[in-house]
Amino acid sequence: MRTQPKYFPKAYGLKTQSDINNLYDDWAETYDTEVKENGYVSPARLASALKSFLSFDAPIYDVGCGTGLSGVALKEMGFLNIHGSEINPNMLKKAQLSGAYQSLEIGDISNQFPHKVGSYDAIVAVGVIGAGAAPAKLMSEALNALSPGGLLAFSLNDAAMAQKSCQGELNKILQNDLATELFSEYGPHLSSINVGSTIYILKKT
């Protein structure tokens, strides 16, 4: 029997990094159960889309990997070289237990991409950008960490798409020819509670 979402309503209203950290500290233990019960399908949708544009052995960096559900979806799709970061230690511990990653590291909110530019062929951000999470500028920061031809695959849920900052950042990237859009598709995010998301795949120019 599906339980009512406990943490989602709180997550979308968070304003400060401290509030975000506190919520995910509390949520880490039950996060996977809650999102699965509510039909969390954005990770699987993104992984399915990405397979058309990226070889299975290409190095992937999963930023804001949370408990590892995005990494698990990528691994189940056939990707073999997955690395991740997460700023919340409790969530990261769960990701370490998933078995999906070749390496994991604690993230730094001031420098989400500490590696040499071009270290990864793709950067993935599932459920990371938007209300109660990372700011819209993460899109541009991720592109800056890629070499030309590198891929940025991410999701924006309904709450994120309602934010002018997210739509504005995406428009800026595309209108300034910083990247080309290879794929975009709207579909379910949390299907049981009728929340949707758009999956995007951009190629850095």
C-alpha atoms as a PDB file:
ATOM      1  CA  MET A   1       0.000   0.000   0.000  1.00  0.00           C
ATOM      2  CA  ARG A   2       1.374   3.374  -1.063  1.00  0.00           C
ATOM      3  CA  THR A   3       1.998   5.873   1.711  1.00  0.00           C
ATOM      4  CA  GLN A   4       1.441   9.591   1.401  1.00  0.00           C
ATOM      5  CA  PRO A   5       4.592  11.534   0.484  1.00  0.00           C
ATOM      6  CA  LYS A   6       6.190  12.854   3.669  1.00  0.00           C
ATOM      7  CA  TYR A   7       9.181  14.800   2.419  1.00  0.00           C
ATOM      8  CA  PHE A   8       8.351  15.923  -1.137  1.00  0.00           C
ATOM      9  CA  PRO A   9       6.088  18.810  -0.069  1.00  0.00           C
ATOM     10  CA  LYS A  10       8.859  20.060   2.212  1.00  0.00           C
ATOM     11  CA  ALA A  11      11.599  19.697  -0.414  1.00  0.00           C
ATOM     12  CA  TYR A  12      10.037  22.024  -2.959  1.00  0.00           C
ATOM     13  CA  GLY A  13       9.757  24.886  -0.464  1.00  0.00           C
ATOM     14  CA  LEU A  14      13.323  24.928   0.863  1.00  0.00           C
ATOM     15  CA  LYS A  15      15.234  28.200   0.601  1.00  0.00           C
ATOM     16  CA  THR A  16      18.661  27.765   2.217  1.00  0.00           C
ATOM     17  CA  GLN A  17      21.443  25.217   1.854  1.00  0.00           C
ATOM     18  CA  SER A  18      21.191  24.509   5.573  1.00  0.00           C
ATOM     19  CA  ASP A  19      17.503  23.659   5.215  1.00  0.00           C
ATOM     20  CA  ILE A  20      18.279  21.394   2.259  1.00  0.00           C
ATOM     21  CA  ASN A  21      21.016  19.586   4.177  1.00  0.00           C
ATOM     22  CA  ASN A  22      18.786  19.064   7.199  1.00  0.00           C
ATOM     23  CA  LEU A  23      15.935  17.678   5.131  1.00  0.00           C
ATOM     24  CA  TYR A  24      18.115  15.171   3.295  1.00  0.00           C
ATOM     25  CA  ASP A  25      19.801  14.136   6.537  1.00  0.00           C
ATOM     26  CA  ASP A  26      16.377  13.122   7.806  1.00  0.00           C
ATOM     27  CA  TRP A  27      15.175  11.715   4.477  1.00  0.00           C
ATOM     28  CA  ALA A  28      18.175   9.532   3.591  1.00  0.00           C
ATOM     29  CA  GLU A  29      16.970   6.416   5.404  1.00  0.00           C
ATOM     30  CA  THR A  30      13.538   6.310   3.760  1.00  0.00           C
ATOM     31  CA  TYR A  31      14.223   8.193   0.508  1.00  0.00           C
ATOM     32  CA  ASP A  32      14.340   5.181  -1.805  1.00  0.00           C
ATOM     33  CA  THR A  33      11.150   3.721  -0.377  1.00  0.00           C
ATOM     34  CA  GLU A  34       9.204   6.963  -0.648  1.00  0.00           C
ATOM     35  CA  VAL A  35      10.220   7.822  -4.188  1.00  0.00           C
ATOM     36  CA  LYS A  36       9.700   4.276  -5.479  1.00  0.00           C
ATOM     37  CA  GLU A  37       6.257   4.082  -3.879  1.00  0.00           C
ATOM     38  CA  ASN A  38       5.357   7.280  -5.704  1.00  0.00           C
ATOM     39  CA  GLY A  39       6.516   6.108  -9.115  1.00  0.00           C
ATOM     40  CA  TYR A  40       9.886   7.836  -9.499  1.00  0.00           C
ATOM     41  CA  VAL A  41      10.762   7.124 -13.134  1.00  0.00           C
ATOM     42  CA  SER A  42      12.963  10.053 -14.221  1.00  0.00           C
ATOM     43  CA  PRO A  43      16.205   8.065 -13.675  1.00  0.00           C
ATOM     44  CA  ALA A  44      15.025   5.233 -15.928  1.00  0.00           C
ATOM     45  CA  ARG A  45      13.706   7.653 -18.557  1.00  0.00           C
ATOM     46  CA  LEU A  46      17.006   9.530 -18.669  1.00  0.00           C
ATOM     47  CA  ALA A  47      19.090   6.359 -18.856  1.00  0.00           C
ATOM     48  CA  SER A  48      16.933   5.062 -21.692  1.00  0.00           C
ATOM     49  CA  ALA A  49      17.331   8.306 -23.642  1.00  0.00           C
ATOM     50  CA  LEU A  50      21.079   8.508 -23.054  1.00  0.00           C
ATOM     51  CA  LYS A  51      21.801   5.092 -24.561  1.00  0.00           C
ATOM     52  CA  SER A  52      21.053   6.486 -28.036  1.00  0.00           C
ATOM     53  CA  PHE A  53      23.859   9.043 -27.770  1.00  0.00           C
ATOM     54  CA  LEU A  54      26.585   7.516 -25.589  1.00  0.00           C
ATOM     55  CA  SER A  55      28.579   4.284 -25.648  1.00  0.00           C
ATOM     56  CA  PHE A  56      28.110   1.988 -22.680  1.00  0.00           C
ATOM     57  CA  ASP A  57      31.783   2.202 -21.648  1.00  0.00           C
ATOM     58  CA  ALA A  58      31.963   6.023 -21.723  1.00  0.00           C
ATOM     59  CA  PRO A  59      32.805   7.687 -18.374  1.00  0.00           C
ATOM     60  CA  ILE A  60      29.759   9.309 -16.756  1.00  0.00           C
ATOM     61  CA  TYR A  61      29.701  11.747 -13.813  1.00  0.00           C
ATOM     62  CA  ASP A  62      26.452  11.633 -11.843  1.00  0.00           C
ATOM     63  CA  VAL A  63      26.333  14.923  -9.950  1.00  0.00           C
ATOM     64  CA  GLY A  64      23.995  15.064  -6.972  1.00  0.00           C
ATOM     65  CA  CYS A  65      23.611  11.303  -7.138  1.00  0.00           C
ATOM     66  CA  GLY A  66      21.652  11.109  -3.885  1.00  0.00           C
ATOM     67  CA  THR A  67      21.127   7.534  -2.752  1.00  0.00           C
ATOM     68  CA  GLY A  68      22.244   6.200  -6.122  1.00  0.00           C
ATOM     69  CA  LEU A  69      18.936   5.597  -7.896  1.00  0.00           C
ATOM     70  CA  SER A  70      20.205   7.381 -11.005  1.00  0.00           C
ATOM     71  CA  GLY A  71      23.375   5.300 -11.011  1.00  0.00           C
ATOM     72  CA  VAL A  72      21.368   2.106 -10.636  1.00  0.00           C
ATOM     73  CA  ALA A  73      19.185   3.103 -13.599  1.00  0.00           C
ATOM     74  CA  LEU A  74      22.272   3.798 -15.720  1.00  0.00           C
ATOM     75  CA  LYS A  75      23.844   0.491 -14.724  1.00  0.00           C
ATOM     76  CA  GLU A  76      20.656  -1.434 -15.472  1.00  0.00           C
ATOM     77  CA  MET A  77      20.568   0.222 -18.906  1.00  0.00           C
ATOM     78  CA  GLY A  78      24.058  -1.167 -19.582  1.00  0.00           C
ATOM     79  CA  PHE A  79      26.414   1.700 -18.742  1.00  0.00           C
ATOM     80  CA  LEU A  80      29.629   0.463 -17.169  1.00  0.00           C
ATOM     81  CA  ASN A  81      31.725   3.469 -16.132  1.00  0.00           C
ATOM     82  CA  ILE A  82      29.683   5.513 -13.661  1.00  0.00           C
ATOM     83  CA  HIS A  83      31.101   7.915 -11.080  1.00  0.00           C
ATOM     84  CA  GLY A  84      29.201  10.186  -8.735  1.00  0.00           C
ATOM     85  CA  SER A  85      29.147  12.909  -6.122  1.00  0.00           C
ATOM     86  CA  GLU A  86      26.679  13.920  -3.434  1.00  0.00           C
ATOM     87  CA  ILE A  87      26.931  16.767  -0.938  1.00  0.00           C
ATOM     88  CA  ASN A  88      24.901  15.013   1.769  1.00  0.00           C
ATOM     89  CA  PRO A  89      26.956  12.348   3.577  1.00  0.00           C
ATOM     90  CA  ASN A  90      23.928  10.302   4.639  1.00  0.00           C
ATOM     91  CA  MET A  91      22.650  10.086   1.079  1.00  0.00           C
ATOM     92  CA  LEU A  92      26.153   9.254  -0.173  1.00  0.00           C
ATOM     93  CA  LYS A  93      26.370   6.300   2.212  1.00  0.00           C
ATOM     94  CA  LYS A  94      23.266   4.858   0.569  1.00  0.00           C
ATOM     95  CA  ALA A  95      24.764   5.373  -2.897  1.00  0.00           C
ATOM     96  CA  GLN A  96      27.865   3.469  -1.815  1.00  0.00           C
ATOM     97  CA  LEU A  97      25.669   0.469  -1.025  1.00  0.00           C
ATOM     98  CA  SER A  98      24.014   0.503  -4.455  1.00  0.00           C
ATOM     99  CA  GLY A  99      26.943  -1.106  -6.272  1.00  0.00           C
ATOM    100  CA  ALA A 100      26.349   1.102  -9.304  1.00  0.00           C
ATOM    101  CA  TYR A 101      29.447   3.308  -9.123  1.00  0.00           C
ATOM    102  CA  GLN A 102      33.121   2.873  -9.889  1.00  0.00           C
ATOM    103  CA  SER A 103      33.850   5.802  -7.566  1.00  0.00           C
ATOM    104  CA  LEU A 104      31.960   8.200  -5.316  1.00  0.00           C
ATOM    105  CA  GLU A 105      32.960  11.410  -3.571  1.00  0.00           C
ATOM    106  CA  ILE A 106      31.452  13.970  -1.263  1.00  0.00           C
ATOM    107  CA  GLY A 107      30.388  16.992  -3.277  1.00  0.00           C
ATOM    108  CA  ASP A 108      31.374  20.603  -2.665  1.00  0.00           C
ATOM    109  CA  ILE A 109      28.550  23.087  -3.179  1.00  0.00           C
ATOM    110  CA  SER A 110      31.085  25.754  -4.199  1.00  0.00           C
ATOM    111  CA  ASN A 111      32.781  23.497  -6.775  1.00  0.00           C
ATOM    112  CA  GLN A 112      30.569  20.709  -8.056  1.00  0.00           C
ATOM    113  CA  PHE A 113      33.005  19.747 -10.834  1.00  0.00           C
ATOM    114  CA  PRO A 114      36.539  19.599  -9.374  1.00  0.00           C
ATOM    115  CA  HIS A 115      38.021  17.343 -12.031  1.00  0.00           C
ATOM    116  CA  LYS A 116      39.994  18.244 -15.134  1.00  0.00           C
ATOM    117  CA  VAL A 117      37.793  19.536 -17.939  1.00  0.00           C
ATOM    118  CA  GLY A 118      36.800  16.654 -20.188  1.00  0.00           C
ATOM    119  CA  SER A 119      37.397  13.947 -17.596  1.00  0.00           C
ATOM    120  CA  TYR A 120      33.921  12.610 -18.350  1.00  0.00           C
ATOM    121  CA  ASP A 121      32.097  12.127 -21.642  1.00  0.00           C
ATOM    122  CA  ALA A 122      28.762  12.843 -19.994  1.00  0.00           C
ATOM    123  CA  ILE A 123      27.467  14.583 -16.899  1.00  0.00           C
ATOM    124  CA  VAL A 124      24.119  13.463 -15.520  1.00  0.00           C
ATOM    125  CA  ALA A 125      21.883  15.392 -13.098  1.00  0.00           C
ATOM    126  CA  VAL A 126      18.606  13.626 -12.315  1.00  0.00           C
ATOM    127  CA  GLY A 127      16.216  15.506 -10.039  1.00  0.00           C
ATOM    128  CA  VAL A 128      19.063  17.806  -9.037  1.00  0.00           C
ATOM    129  CA  ILE A 129      18.247  21.201 -10.541  1.00  0.00           C
ATOM    130  CA  GLY A 130      15.342  23.279  -9.277  1.00  0.00           C
ATOM    131  CA  ALA A 131      13.274  24.132  -6.225  1.00  0.00           C
ATOM    132  CA  GLY A 132      14.766  22.796  -3.016  1.00  0.00           C
ATOM    133  CA  ALA A 133      17.912  21.583  -4.756  1.00  0.00           C
ATOM    134  CA  ALA A 134      20.728  22.945  -6.945  1.00  0.00           C
ATOM    135  CA  PRO A 135      20.401  26.330  -8.680  1.00  0.00           C
ATOM    136  CA  ALA A 136      19.832  26.677 -12.410  1.00  0.00           C
ATOM    137  CA  LYS A 137      23.433  27.778 -12.985  1.00  0.00           C
ATOM    138  CA  LEU A 138      24.471  24.150 -12.478  1.00  0.00           C
ATOM    139  CA  MET A 139      23.613  23.617 -16.160  1.00  0.00           C
ATOM    140  CA  SER A 140      26.295  26.061 -17.294  1.00  0.00           C
ATOM    141  CA  GLU A 141      28.779  24.846 -14.692  1.00  0.00           C
ATOM    142  CA  ALA A 142      28.338  21.303 -15.956  1.00  0.00           C
ATOM    143  CA  LEU A 143      28.877  22.352 -19.560  1.00  0.00           C
ATOM    144  CA  ASN A 144      32.069  24.152 -18.521  1.00  0.00           C
ATOM    145  CA  ALA A 145      33.354  20.847 -17.132  1.00  0.00           C
ATOM    146  CA  LEU A 146      32.847  19.063 -20.463  1.00  0.00           C
ATOM    147  CA  SER A 147      34.993  19.063 -23.575  1.00  0.00           C
ATOM    148  CA  PRO A 148      33.311  20.007 -26.872  1.00  0.00           C
ATOM    149  CA  GLY A 149      31.085  17.120 -27.859  1.00  0.00           C
ATOM    150  CA  GLY A 150      30.461  16.119 -24.253  1.00  0.00           C
ATOM    151  CA  LEU A 151      26.897  15.443 -23.165  1.00  0.00           C
ATOM    152  CA  LEU A 152      24.835  16.957 -20.372  1.00  0.00           C
ATOM    153  CA  ALA A 153      21.768  14.883 -19.492  1.00  0.00           C
ATOM    154  CA  PHE A 154      19.389  16.227 -16.863  1.00  0.00           C
ATOM    155  CA  SER A 155      15.790  16.379 -15.731  1.00  0.00           C
ATOM    156  CA  LEU A 156      13.660  19.376 -14.816  1.00  0.00           C
ATOM    157  CA  ASN A 157      10.471  18.536 -12.963  1.00  0.00           C
ATOM    158  CA  ASP A 158       7.289  20.601 -13.016  1.00  0.00           C
ATOM    159  CA  ALA A 159       8.407  22.742 -10.077  1.00  0.00           C
ATOM    160  CA  ALA A 160      11.754  23.448 -11.738  1.00  0.00           C
ATOM    161  CA  MET A 161      10.144  24.327 -15.066  1.00  0.00           C
ATOM    162  CA  ALA A 162       7.901  26.802 -13.256  1.00  0.00           C
ATOM    163  CA  GLN A 163      10.991  28.704 -12.093  1.00  0.00           C
ATOM    164  CA  LYS A 164      12.037  31.505 -14.427  1.00  0.00           C
ATOM    165  CA  SER A 165      15.673  30.862 -13.519  1.00  0.00           C
ATOM    166  CA  CYS A 166      15.652  27.312 -14.898  1.00  0.00           C
ATOM    167  CA  GLN A 167      13.952  28.171 -18.171  1.00  0.00           C
ATOM    168  CA  GLY A 168      16.102  31.277 -18.496  1.00  0.00           C
ATOM    169  CA  GLU A 169      19.357  29.375 -17.977  1.00  0.00           C
ATOM    170  CA  LEU A 170      18.397  26.750 -20.534  1.00  0.00           C
ATOM    171  CA  ASN A 171      17.357  29.388 -23.066  1.00  0.00           C
ATOM    172  CA  LYS A 172      20.639  31.263 -22.542  1.00  0.00           C
ATOM    173  CA  ILE A 173      22.668  28.129 -23.216  1.00  0.00           C
ATOM    174  CA  LEU A 174      20.808  27.278 -26.405  1.00  0.00           C
ATOM    175  CA  GLN A 175      20.453  30.812 -27.762  1.00  0.00           C
ATOM    176  CA  ASN A 176      24.166  31.511 -27.256  1.00  0.00           C
ATOM    177  CA  ASP A 177      25.070  28.253 -29.023  1.00  0.00           C
ATOM    178  CA  LEU A 178      26.883  26.904 -25.973  1.00  0.00           C
ATOM    179  CA  ALA A 179      25.223  23.563 -26.634  1.00  0.00           C
ATOM    180  CA  THR A 180      22.799  21.917 -29.019  1.00  0.00           C
ATOM    181  CA  GLU A 181      19.711  20.067 -27.883  1.00  0.00           C
ATOM    182  CA  LEU A 182      19.836  16.417 -28.896  1.00  0.00           C
ATOM    183  CA  PHE A 183      16.781  15.291 -26.974  1.00  0.00           C
ATOM    184  CA  SER A 184      13.909  16.629 -24.911  1.00  0.00           C
ATOM    185  CA  GLU A 185      10.830  14.759 -23.787  1.00  0.00           C
ATOM    186  CA  TYR A 186       8.163  15.461 -21.203  1.00  0.00           C
ATOM    187  CA  GLY A 187       6.837  12.514 -19.221  1.00  0.00           C
ATOM    188  CA  PRO A 188       6.211  11.190 -15.720  1.00  0.00           C
ATOM    189  CA  HIS A 189       8.535  12.056 -12.857  1.00  0.00           C
ATOM    190  CA  LEU A 190       6.506  10.819  -9.882  1.00  0.00           C
ATOM    191  CA  SER A 191       3.725   9.033 -11.698  1.00  0.00           C
ATOM    192  CA  SER A 192       1.619   8.161  -8.654  1.00  0.00           C
ATOM    193  CA  ILE A 193       1.175  11.793  -7.659  1.00  0.00           C
ATOM    194  CA  ASN A 194       0.974  13.218 -11.210  1.00  0.00           C
ATOM    195  CA  VAL A 195       4.259  15.110 -11.209  1.00  0.00           C
ATOM    196  CA  GLY A 196       6.061  15.279 -14.533  1.00  0.00           C
ATOM    197  CA  SER A 197       9.538  16.124 -15.768  1.00  0.00           C
ATOM    198  CA  THR A 198      11.330  16.925 -18.988  1.00  0.00           C
ATOM    199  CA  ILE A 199      14.450  14.954 -19.832  1.00  0.00           C
ATOM    200  CA  TYR A 200      17.063  16.969 -21.744  1.00  0.00           C
ATOM    201  CA  ILE A 201      20.257  15.871 -23.436  1.00  0.00           C
ATOM    202  CA  LEU A 202      22.544  18.676 -24.595  1.00  0.00           C
ATOM    203  CA  LYS A 203      25.772  18.383 -26.584  1.00  0.00           C
ATOM    204  CA  LYS A 204      28.441  20.966 -25.822  1.00  0.00           C
ATOM    205  CA  THR A 205      29.535  22.906 -28.888  1.00  0.00           C
END
